[in-house]
PDB file of N, CA and C in Angstrom:
ATOM      1  N   UNK A   1       7.418 -31.799   4.574  1.00  0.00           N
ATOM      2  CA  UNK A   1       7.973 -31.626   3.243  1.00  0.00           C
ATOM      3  C   UNK A   1       9.324 -32.335   3.197  1.00  0.00           C
ATOM      4  N   UNK A   2       9.506 -33.134   2.182  1.00  0.00           N
ATOM      5  CA  UNK A   2      10.763 -33.846   2.016  1.00  0.00           C
ATOM      6  C   UNK A   2      11.882 -32.896   1.606  1.00  0.00           C
ATOM      7  N   UNK A   3      13.097 -33.330   1.861  1.00  0.00           N
ATOM      8  CA  UNK A   3      14.262 -32.525   1.506  1.00  0.00           C
ATOM      9  C   UNK A   3      14.372 -32.350  -0.008  1.00  0.00           C
ATOM     10  N   UNK A   4      14.003 -33.377  -0.750  1.00  0.00           N
ATOM     11  CA  UNK A   4      14.065 -33.295  -2.212  1.00  0.00           C
ATOM     12  C   UNK A   4      13.078 -32.250  -2.726  1.00  0.00           C
ATOM     13  N   UNK A   5      11.872 -32.226  -2.160  1.00  0.00           N
ATOM     14  CA  UNK A   5      10.889 -31.227  -2.563  1.00  0.00           C
ATOM     15  C   UNK A   5      11.371 -29.832  -2.221  1.00  0.00           C
ATOM     16  N   UNK A   6      11.988 -29.683  -1.062  1.00  0.00           N
ATOM     17  CA  UNK A   6      12.512 -28.389  -0.639  1.00  0.00           C
ATOM     18  C   UNK A   6      13.572 -27.893  -1.615  1.00  0.00           C
ATOM     19  N   UNK A   7      14.482 -28.768  -1.992  1.00  0.00           N
ATOM     20  CA  UNK A   7      15.541 -28.399  -2.931  1.00  0.00           C
ATOM     21  C   UNK A   7      14.952 -28.079  -4.300  1.00  0.00           C
ATOM     22  N   UNK A   8      13.968 -28.857  -4.739  1.00  0.00           N
ATOM     23  CA  UNK A   8      13.345 -28.598  -6.041  1.00  0.00           C
ATOM     24  C   UNK A   8      12.629 -27.244  -6.066  1.00  0.00           C
ATOM     25  N   UNK A   9      11.963 -26.889  -4.973  1.00  0.00           N
ATOM     26  CA  UNK A   9      11.298 -25.587  -4.912  1.00  0.00           C
ATOM     27  C   UNK A   9      12.331 -24.467  -4.950  1.00  0.00           C
ATOM     28  N   UNK A  10      13.415 -24.615  -4.186  1.00  0.00           N
ATOM     29  CA  UNK A  10      14.463 -23.592  -4.178  1.00  0.00           C
ATOM     30  C   UNK A  10      15.117 -23.448  -5.555  1.00  0.00           C
ATOM     31  N   UNK A  11      15.343 -24.564  -6.236  1.00  0.00           N
ATOM     32  CA  UNK A  11      15.921 -24.518  -7.583  1.00  0.00           C
ATOM     33  C   UNK A  11      14.946 -23.853  -8.545  1.00  0.00           C
ATOM     34  N   UNK A  12      13.659 -24.183  -8.448  1.00  0.00           N
ATOM     35  CA  UNK A  12      12.666 -23.583  -9.336  1.00  0.00           C
ATOM     36  C   UNK A  12      12.571 -22.075  -9.117  1.00  0.00           C
ATOM     37  N   UNK A  13      12.593 -21.642  -7.861  1.00  0.00           N
ATOM     38  CA  UNK A  13      12.549 -20.206  -7.573  1.00  0.00           C
ATOM     39  C   UNK A  13      13.807 -19.524  -8.100  1.00  0.00           C
ATOM     40  N   UNK A  14      14.949 -20.158  -7.909  1.00  0.00           N
ATOM     41  CA  UNK A  14      16.203 -19.585  -8.394  1.00  0.00           C
ATOM     42  C   UNK A  14      16.242 -19.476  -9.913  1.00  0.00           C
ATOM     43  N   UNK A  15      15.816 -20.516 -10.583  1.00  0.00           N
ATOM     44  CA  UNK A  15      15.804 -20.493 -12.050  1.00  0.00           C
ATOM     45  C   UNK A  15      14.797 -19.464 -12.556  1.00  0.00           C
ATOM     46  N   UNK A  16      13.640 -19.395 -11.909  1.00  0.00           N
ATOM     47  CA  UNK A  16      12.646 -18.399 -12.306  1.00  0.00           C
ATOM     48  C   UNK A  16      13.161 -16.980 -12.135  1.00  0.00           C
ATOM     49  N   UNK A  17      13.815 -16.719 -11.014  1.00  0.00           N
ATOM     50  CA  UNK A  17      14.375 -15.391 -10.779  1.00  0.00           C
ATOM     51  C   UNK A  17      15.486 -15.082 -11.767  1.00  0.00           C
ATOM     52  N   UNK A  18      16.310 -16.074 -12.074  1.00  0.00           N
ATOM     53  CA  UNK A  18      17.372 -15.882 -13.059  1.00  0.00           C
ATOM     54  C   UNK A  18      16.789 -15.567 -14.438  1.00  0.00           C
ATOM     55  N   UNK A  19      15.730 -16.296 -14.820  1.00  0.00           N
ATOM     56  CA  UNK A  19      15.103 -16.049 -16.116  1.00  0.00           C
ATOM     57  C   UNK A  19      14.517 -14.642 -16.190  1.00  0.00           C
ATOM     58  N   UNK A  20      13.878 -14.217 -15.105  1.00  0.00           N
ATOM     59  CA  UNK A  20      13.324 -12.861 -15.074  1.00  0.00           C
ATOM     60  C   UNK A  20      14.439 -11.831 -15.181  1.00  0.00           C
ATOM     61  N   UNK A  21      15.503 -12.014 -14.400  1.00  0.00           N
ATOM     62  CA  UNK A  21      16.610 -11.060 -14.424  1.00  0.00           C
ATOM     63  C   UNK A  21      17.334 -11.049 -15.765  1.00  0.00           C
ATOM     64  N   UNK A  22      17.408 -12.181 -16.403  1.00  0.00           N
ATOM     65  CA  UNK A  22      18.181 -12.305 -17.645  1.00  0.00           C
ATOM     66  C   UNK A  22      17.422 -11.829 -18.878  1.00  0.00           C
ATOM     67  N   UNK A  23      16.136 -12.182 -18.967  1.00  0.00           N
ATOM     68  CA  UNK A  23      15.434 -12.002 -20.231  1.00  0.00           C
ATOM     69  C   UNK A  23      14.346 -10.930 -20.230  1.00  0.00           C
ATOM     70  N   UNK A  24      13.942 -10.428 -19.079  1.00  0.00           N
ATOM     71  CA  UNK A  24      12.920  -9.378 -19.053  1.00  0.00           C
ATOM     72  C   UNK A  24      13.617  -8.042 -18.826  1.00  0.00           C
ATOM     73  N   UNK A  25      13.522  -7.157 -19.802  1.00  0.00           N
ATOM     74  CA  UNK A  25      14.208  -5.869 -19.644  1.00  0.00           C
ATOM     75  C   UNK A  25      13.461  -4.961 -18.654  1.00  0.00           C
ATOM     76  N   UNK A  26      14.199  -4.532 -17.640  1.00  0.00           N
ATOM     77  CA  UNK A  26      13.648  -3.585 -16.680  1.00  0.00           C
ATOM     78  C   UNK A  26      14.798  -2.845 -16.019  1.00  0.00           C
ATOM     79  N   UNK A  27      14.482  -1.759 -15.373  1.00  0.00           N
ATOM     80  CA  UNK A  27      15.481  -0.936 -14.713  1.00  0.00           C
ATOM     81  C   UNK A  27      16.182  -1.745 -13.621  1.00  0.00           C
ATOM     82  N   UNK A  28      17.451  -1.449 -13.384  1.00  0.00           N
ATOM     83  CA  UNK A  28      18.220  -2.207 -12.398  1.00  0.00           C
ATOM     84  C   UNK A  28      17.683  -2.027 -10.982  1.00  0.00           C
ATOM     85  N   UNK A  29      17.111  -0.863 -10.684  1.00  0.00           N
ATOM     86  CA  UNK A  29      16.520  -0.644  -9.353  1.00  0.00           C
ATOM     87  C   UNK A  29      15.328  -1.565  -9.134  1.00  0.00           C
ATOM     88  N   UNK A  30      14.505  -1.746 -10.175  1.00  0.00           N
ATOM     89  CA  UNK A  30      13.351  -2.628 -10.064  1.00  0.00           C
ATOM     90  C   UNK A  30      13.813  -4.076  -9.890  1.00  0.00           C
ATOM     91  N   UNK A  31      14.846  -4.476 -10.630  1.00  0.00           N
ATOM     92  CA  UNK A  31      15.392  -5.822 -10.484  1.00  0.00           C
ATOM     93  C   UNK A  31      15.922  -6.046  -9.074  1.00  0.00           C
ATOM     94  N   UNK A  32      16.585  -5.042  -8.530  1.00  0.00           N
ATOM     95  CA  UNK A  32      17.133  -5.163  -7.182  1.00  0.00           C
ATOM     96  C   UNK A  32      16.012  -5.328  -6.158  1.00  0.00           C
ATOM     97  N   UNK A  33      14.949  -4.538  -6.291  1.00  0.00           N
ATOM     98  CA  UNK A  33      13.810  -4.648  -5.380  1.00  0.00           C
ATOM     99  C   UNK A  33      13.151  -6.016  -5.514  1.00  0.00           C
ATOM    100  N   UNK A  34      12.983  -6.484  -6.749  1.00  0.00           N
ATOM    101  CA  UNK A  34      12.401  -7.802  -6.984  1.00  0.00           C
ATOM    102  C   UNK A  34      13.240  -8.893  -6.335  1.00  0.00           C
ATOM    103  N   UNK A  35      14.553  -8.824  -6.492  1.00  0.00           N
ATOM    104  CA  UNK A  35      15.433  -9.822  -5.903  1.00  0.00           C
ATOM    105  C   UNK A  35      15.330  -9.816  -4.381  1.00  0.00           C
ATOM    106  N   UNK A  36      15.294  -8.629  -3.782  1.00  0.00           N
ATOM    107  CA  UNK A  36      15.205  -8.527  -2.327  1.00  0.00           C
ATOM    108  C   UNK A  36      13.882  -9.100  -1.829  1.00  0.00           C
ATOM    109  N   UNK A  37      12.794  -8.781  -2.518  1.00  0.00           N
ATOM    110  CA  UNK A  37      11.485  -9.289  -2.115  1.00  0.00           C
ATOM    111  C   UNK A  37      11.437 -10.810  -2.215  1.00  0.00           C
ATOM    112  N   UNK A  38      11.969 -11.361  -3.288  1.00  0.00           N
ATOM    113  CA  UNK A  38      11.966 -12.820  -3.463  1.00  0.00           C
ATOM    114  C   UNK A  38      12.812 -13.487  -2.385  1.00  0.00           C
ATOM    115  N   UNK A  39      13.969 -12.930  -2.066  1.00  0.00           N
ATOM    116  CA  UNK A  39      14.821 -13.511  -1.028  1.00  0.00           C
ATOM    117  C   UNK A  39      14.121 -13.466   0.326  1.00  0.00           C
ATOM    118  N   UNK A  40      13.480 -12.354   0.655  1.00  0.00           N
ATOM    119  CA  UNK A  40      12.777 -12.243   1.936  1.00  0.00           C
ATOM    120  C   UNK A  40      11.637 -13.257   2.014  1.00  0.00           C
ATOM    121  N   UNK A  41      10.874 -13.383   0.929  1.00  0.00           N
ATOM    122  CA  UNK A  41       9.764 -14.345   0.918  1.00  0.00           C
ATOM    123  C   UNK A  41      10.286 -15.770   1.060  1.00  0.00           C
ATOM    124  N   UNK A  42      11.359 -16.111   0.381  1.00  0.00           N
ATOM    125  CA  UNK A  42      11.916 -17.466   0.461  1.00  0.00           C
ATOM    126  C   UNK A  42      12.456 -17.740   1.869  1.00  0.00           C
ATOM    127  N   UNK A  43      13.119 -16.768   2.473  1.00  0.00           N
ATOM    128  CA  UNK A  43      13.637 -16.959   3.839  1.00  0.00           C
ATOM    129  C   UNK A  43      12.486 -17.155   4.819  1.00  0.00           C
ATOM    130  N   UNK A  44      11.433 -16.343   4.717  1.00  0.00           N
ATOM    131  CA  UNK A  44      10.277 -16.513   5.598  1.00  0.00           C
ATOM    132  C   UNK A  44       9.612 -17.870   5.383  1.00  0.00           C
ATOM    133  N   UNK A  45       9.522 -18.298   4.123  1.00  0.00           N
ATOM    134  CA  UNK A  45       8.938 -19.598   3.822  1.00  0.00           C
ATOM    135  C   UNK A  45       9.785 -20.726   4.420  1.00  0.00           C
ATOM    136  N   UNK A  46      11.108 -20.624   4.298  1.00  0.00           N
ATOM    137  CA  UNK A  46      11.990 -21.639   4.879  1.00  0.00           C
ATOM    138  C   UNK A  46      11.863 -21.678   6.399  1.00  0.00           C
ATOM    139  N   UNK A  47      11.768 -20.511   7.028  1.00  0.00           N
ATOM    140  CA  UNK A  47      11.589 -20.469   8.481  1.00  0.00           C
ATOM    141  C   UNK A  47      10.276 -21.130   8.882  1.00  0.00           C
ATOM    142  N   UNK A  48       9.237 -20.930   8.089  1.00  0.00           N
ATOM    143  CA  UNK A  48       7.951 -21.569   8.371  1.00  0.00           C
ATOM    144  C   UNK A  48       8.030 -23.078   8.160  1.00  0.00           C
ATOM    145  N   UNK A  49       8.707 -23.504   7.101  1.00  0.00           N
ATOM    146  CA  UNK A  49       8.835 -24.939   6.816  1.00  0.00           C
ATOM    147  C   UNK A  49       9.570 -25.651   7.953  1.00  0.00           C
ATOM    148  N   UNK A  50      10.614 -25.026   8.489  1.00  0.00           N
ATOM    149  CA  UNK A  50      11.379 -25.643   9.555  1.00  0.00           C
ATOM    150  C   UNK A  50      10.778 -25.394  10.936  1.00  0.00           C
ATOM    151  N   UNK A  51       9.666 -24.684  11.014  1.00  0.00           N
ATOM    152  CA  UNK A  51       8.972 -24.490  12.267  1.00  0.00           C
ATOM    153  C   UNK A  51       9.549 -23.413  13.161  1.00  0.00           C
ATOM    154  N   UNK A  52      10.414 -22.587  12.633  1.00  0.00           N
ATOM    155  CA  UNK A  52      11.027 -21.531  13.431  1.00  0.00           C
ATOM    156  C   UNK A  52      10.118 -20.313  13.495  1.00  0.00           C
ATOM    157  N   UNK A  53       9.388 -20.059  12.429  1.00  0.00           N
ATOM    158  CA  UNK A  53       8.513 -18.895  12.329  1.00  0.00           C
ATOM    159  C   UNK A  53       7.096 -19.390  12.121  1.00  0.00           C
ATOM    160  N   UNK A  54       6.245 -19.106  13.097  1.00  0.00           N
ATOM    161  CA  UNK A  54       4.858 -19.566  13.006  1.00  0.00           C
ATOM    162  C   UNK A  54       3.967 -18.359  12.765  1.00  0.00           C
ATOM    163  N   UNK A  55       3.312 -18.321  11.625  1.00  0.00           N
ATOM    164  CA  UNK A  55       2.493 -17.158  11.270  1.00  0.00           C
ATOM    165  C   UNK A  55       1.214 -17.072  12.077  1.00  0.00           C
ATOM    166  N   UNK A  56       0.826 -18.146  12.744  1.00  0.00           N
ATOM    167  CA  UNK A  56      -0.421 -18.105  13.513  1.00  0.00           C
ATOM    168  C   UNK A  56      -0.252 -17.338  14.819  1.00  0.00           C
ATOM    169  N   UNK A  57       0.977 -17.024  15.218  1.00  0.00           N
ATOM    170  CA  UNK A  57       1.197 -16.314  16.475  1.00  0.00           C
ATOM    171  C   UNK A  57       1.245 -14.810  16.280  1.00  0.00           C
ATOM    172  N   UNK A  58       1.118 -14.340  15.065  1.00  0.00           N
ATOM    173  CA  UNK A  58       1.163 -12.898  14.808  1.00  0.00           C
ATOM    174  C   UNK A  58      -0.255 -12.339  14.928  1.00  0.00           C
ATOM    175  N   UNK A  59      -0.420 -11.352  15.812  1.00  0.00           N
ATOM    176  CA  UNK A  59      -1.723 -10.717  16.002  1.00  0.00           C
ATOM    177  C   UNK A  59      -1.571  -9.231  15.749  1.00  0.00           C
ATOM    178  N   UNK A  60      -2.498  -8.697  14.986  1.00  0.00           N
ATOM    179  CA  UNK A  60      -2.495  -7.263  14.709  1.00  0.00           C
ATOM    180  C   UNK A  60      -3.699  -6.645  15.419  1.00  0.00           C
ATOM    181  N   UNK A  61      -3.447  -5.620  16.191  1.00  0.00           N
ATOM    182  CA  UNK A  61      -4.516  -4.967  16.935  1.00  0.00           C
ATOM    183  C   UNK A  61      -4.724  -5.621  18.281  1.00  0.00           C
ATOM    184  N   UNK A  62      -5.960  -5.486  18.816  1.00  0.00           N
ATOM    185  CA  UNK A  62      -6.266  -6.047  20.136  1.00  0.00           C
ATOM    186  C   UNK A  62      -6.608  -7.474  19.965  1.00  0.00           C
TER     187      UNK A  62
END
């Protein structure tokens, strides 16, 4: 993935989250949970993009 694509995805996610927070009325607790979930997903995605976190090595069970 090119650096420009990475920046464009991050900007799109940021603008989308800002639009949701700004224009969709919801309780502040729900907004806080949404923001935390989006940040965690973006951080995990960035770790995967840079090869630091590989999801194929996670095994559940035996």
